Amino acid sequence: MDNKLPSGGRLLTSLLFFALSATFALLLLLAALLVWLSDVTGSFILSASILAVFFALVSWAIYRFAIHRALDQIRTQAATVYEVARLAKAGYEWVVDKIRFFKALHQLFHDR
């Protein structure tokens, strides 16, 4: 009797096959919907256009109501990070200039 636990590779392989199966199922469902809609409308081009417009609207709604705010927050955070980096660089340059000044003074007084 084998009492070994399944390895992570088996889990990864199982998840991969699950994702592929779900993707194929969705594609077949869309193909069946397209064929049914073309039978109802009598035009394959019209049914494909209807589905394209439907998914474009769904995509727009997902972007507008779920992704748009998150992207704005990321842009704001990136701008804040950029501003902090700019201020840190300016502060570093100020400190380096002061150190150079005091080093020049030190050399000026010790070279005499």
Protein backbone atom coordinates (compact mmCIF):
# COMPACT_ATOMS: atom_id res chain seq x y z
CA MET A 1 0.00 0.00 0.00
CA ASP A 2 1.40 3.38 -0.99
CA ASN A 3 1.00 6.01 1.76
CA LYS A 4 2.83 8.83 -0.03
CA LEU A 5 1.16 12.21 -0.31
CA PRO A 6 0.65 13.55 -3.83
CA SER A 7 3.49 15.78 -4.95
CA GLY A 8 3.16 19.42 -5.92
CA GLY A 9 3.77 18.40 -9.54
CA ARG A 10 0.64 16.30 -9.58
CA LEU A 11 -1.35 19.18 -8.15
CA LEU A 12 0.07 21.58 -10.71
CA THR A 13 -0.66 19.13 -13.53
CA SER A 14 -4.20 18.62 -12.26
CA LEU A 15 -4.78 22.37 -12.05
CA LEU A 16 -3.40 22.83 -15.55
CA PHE A 17 -5.71 20.16 -16.97
CA PHE A 18 -8.63 21.69 -15.07
CA ALA A 19 -7.89 25.14 -16.52
CA LEU A 20 -7.56 23.73 -20.03
CA SER A 21 -10.80 21.75 -19.69
CA ALA A 22 -12.67 24.78 -18.39
CA THR A 23 -11.29 26.92 -21.23
CA PHE A 24 -12.31 24.37 -23.85
CA ALA A 25 -15.77 24.07 -22.27
CA LEU A 26 -16.23 27.83 -22.47
CA LEU A 27 -15.05 27.91 -26.08
CA LEU A 28 -17.44 25.12 -27.03
CA LEU A 29 -20.26 26.90 -25.21
CA LEU A 30 -19.51 30.08 -27.15
CA ALA A 31 -19.38 28.15 -30.41
CA ALA A 32 -22.75 26.53 -29.63
CA LEU A 33 -24.20 29.92 -28.74
CA LEU A 34 -22.88 31.35 -32.00
CA VAL A 35 -24.38 28.50 -34.04
CA TRP A 36 -27.72 28.78 -32.22
CA LEU A 37 -27.81 32.54 -32.65
CA SER A 38 -26.97 32.24 -36.34
CA ASP A 39 -29.83 29.75 -36.70
CA VAL A 40 -32.21 32.18 -34.97
CA THR A 41 -31.08 35.27 -36.90
CA GLY A 42 -30.41 33.50 -40.18
CA SER A 43 -27.01 35.18 -40.52
CA PHE A 44 -23.70 33.98 -39.19
CA ILE A 45 -22.15 37.43 -39.56
CA LEU A 46 -25.00 39.09 -37.66
CA SER A 47 -24.80 36.56 -34.83
CA ALA A 48 -21.01 36.96 -34.58
CA SER A 49 -21.48 40.73 -34.49
CA ILE A 50 -24.10 40.46 -31.75
CA LEU A 51 -21.80 38.31 -29.63
CA ALA A 52 -18.86 40.65 -30.26
CA VAL A 53 -20.87 43.67 -29.15
CA PHE A 54 -22.13 41.78 -26.10
CA PHE A 55 -18.62 40.82 -24.99
CA ALA A 56 -17.33 44.31 -25.73
CA LEU A 57 -20.01 45.71 -23.41
CA VAL A 58 -19.19 43.13 -20.75
CA SER A 59 -15.49 44.01 -21.04
CA TRP A 60 -16.23 47.71 -20.77
CA ALA A 61 -18.44 47.15 -17.70
CA ILE A 62 -15.75 45.06 -16.00
CA TYR A 63 -13.17 47.74 -16.71
CA ARG A 64 -15.42 50.59 -15.64
CA PHE A 65 -16.72 49.10 -12.41
CA ALA A 66 -13.89 46.84 -11.26
CA ILE A 67 -10.56 47.83 -12.79
CA HIS A 68 -10.77 51.59 -13.36
CA ARG A 69 -10.54 52.60 -9.68
CA ALA A 70 -7.70 50.18 -9.02
CA LEU A 71 -5.73 51.57 -11.97
CA ASP A 72 -6.29 55.12 -10.72
CA GLN A 73 -5.01 54.12 -7.29
CA ILE A 74 -1.94 52.50 -8.84
CA ARG A 75 -1.28 55.68 -10.87
CA THR A 76 -1.61 57.79 -7.72
CA GLN A 77 0.72 55.52 -5.77
CA ALA A 78 3.24 55.52 -8.62
CA ALA A 79 3.14 59.33 -8.70
CA THR A 80 3.72 59.40 -4.94
CA VAL A 81 6.64 57.00 -5.22
CA TYR A 82 8.10 59.10 -8.04
CA GLU A 83 7.74 62.28 -5.96
CA VAL A 84 9.39 60.66 -2.93
CA ALA A 85 12.24 59.38 -5.12
CA ARG A 86 12.70 62.85 -6.61
CA LEU A 87 12.80 64.42 -3.14
CA ALA A 88 15.25 61.78 -1.91
CA LYS A 89 17.52 62.45 -4.88
CA ALA A 90 17.35 66.19 -4.27
CA GLY A 91 18.17 65.65 -0.59
CA TYR A 92 21.06 63.36 -1.47
CA GLU A 93 22.46 65.92 -3.90
CA TRP A 94 22.14 68.65 -1.25
CA VAL A 95 24.03 66.54 1.29
CA VAL A 96 26.73 65.66 -1.27
CA ASP A 97 27.17 69.34 -2.12
CA LYS A 98 27.58 70.22 1.58
CA ILE A 99 30.09 67.41 2.08
CA ARG A 100 32.09 68.60 -0.94
CA PHE A 101 32.03 72.15 0.43
CA PHE A 102 33.28 71.09 3.88
CA LYS A 103 35.87 68.78 2.31
CA ALA A 104 37.15 71.68 0.18
CA LEU A 105 37.32 73.88 3.29
CA HIS A 106 39.14 71.13 5.17
CA GLN A 107 41.71 70.75 2.39
CA LEU A 108 42.09 74.52 2.11
CA PHE A 109 42.96 74.91 5.80
CA HIS A 110 45.14 71.76 6.10
CA ASP A 111 47.20 72.46 2.97
CA ARG A 112 48.65 75.64 4.52
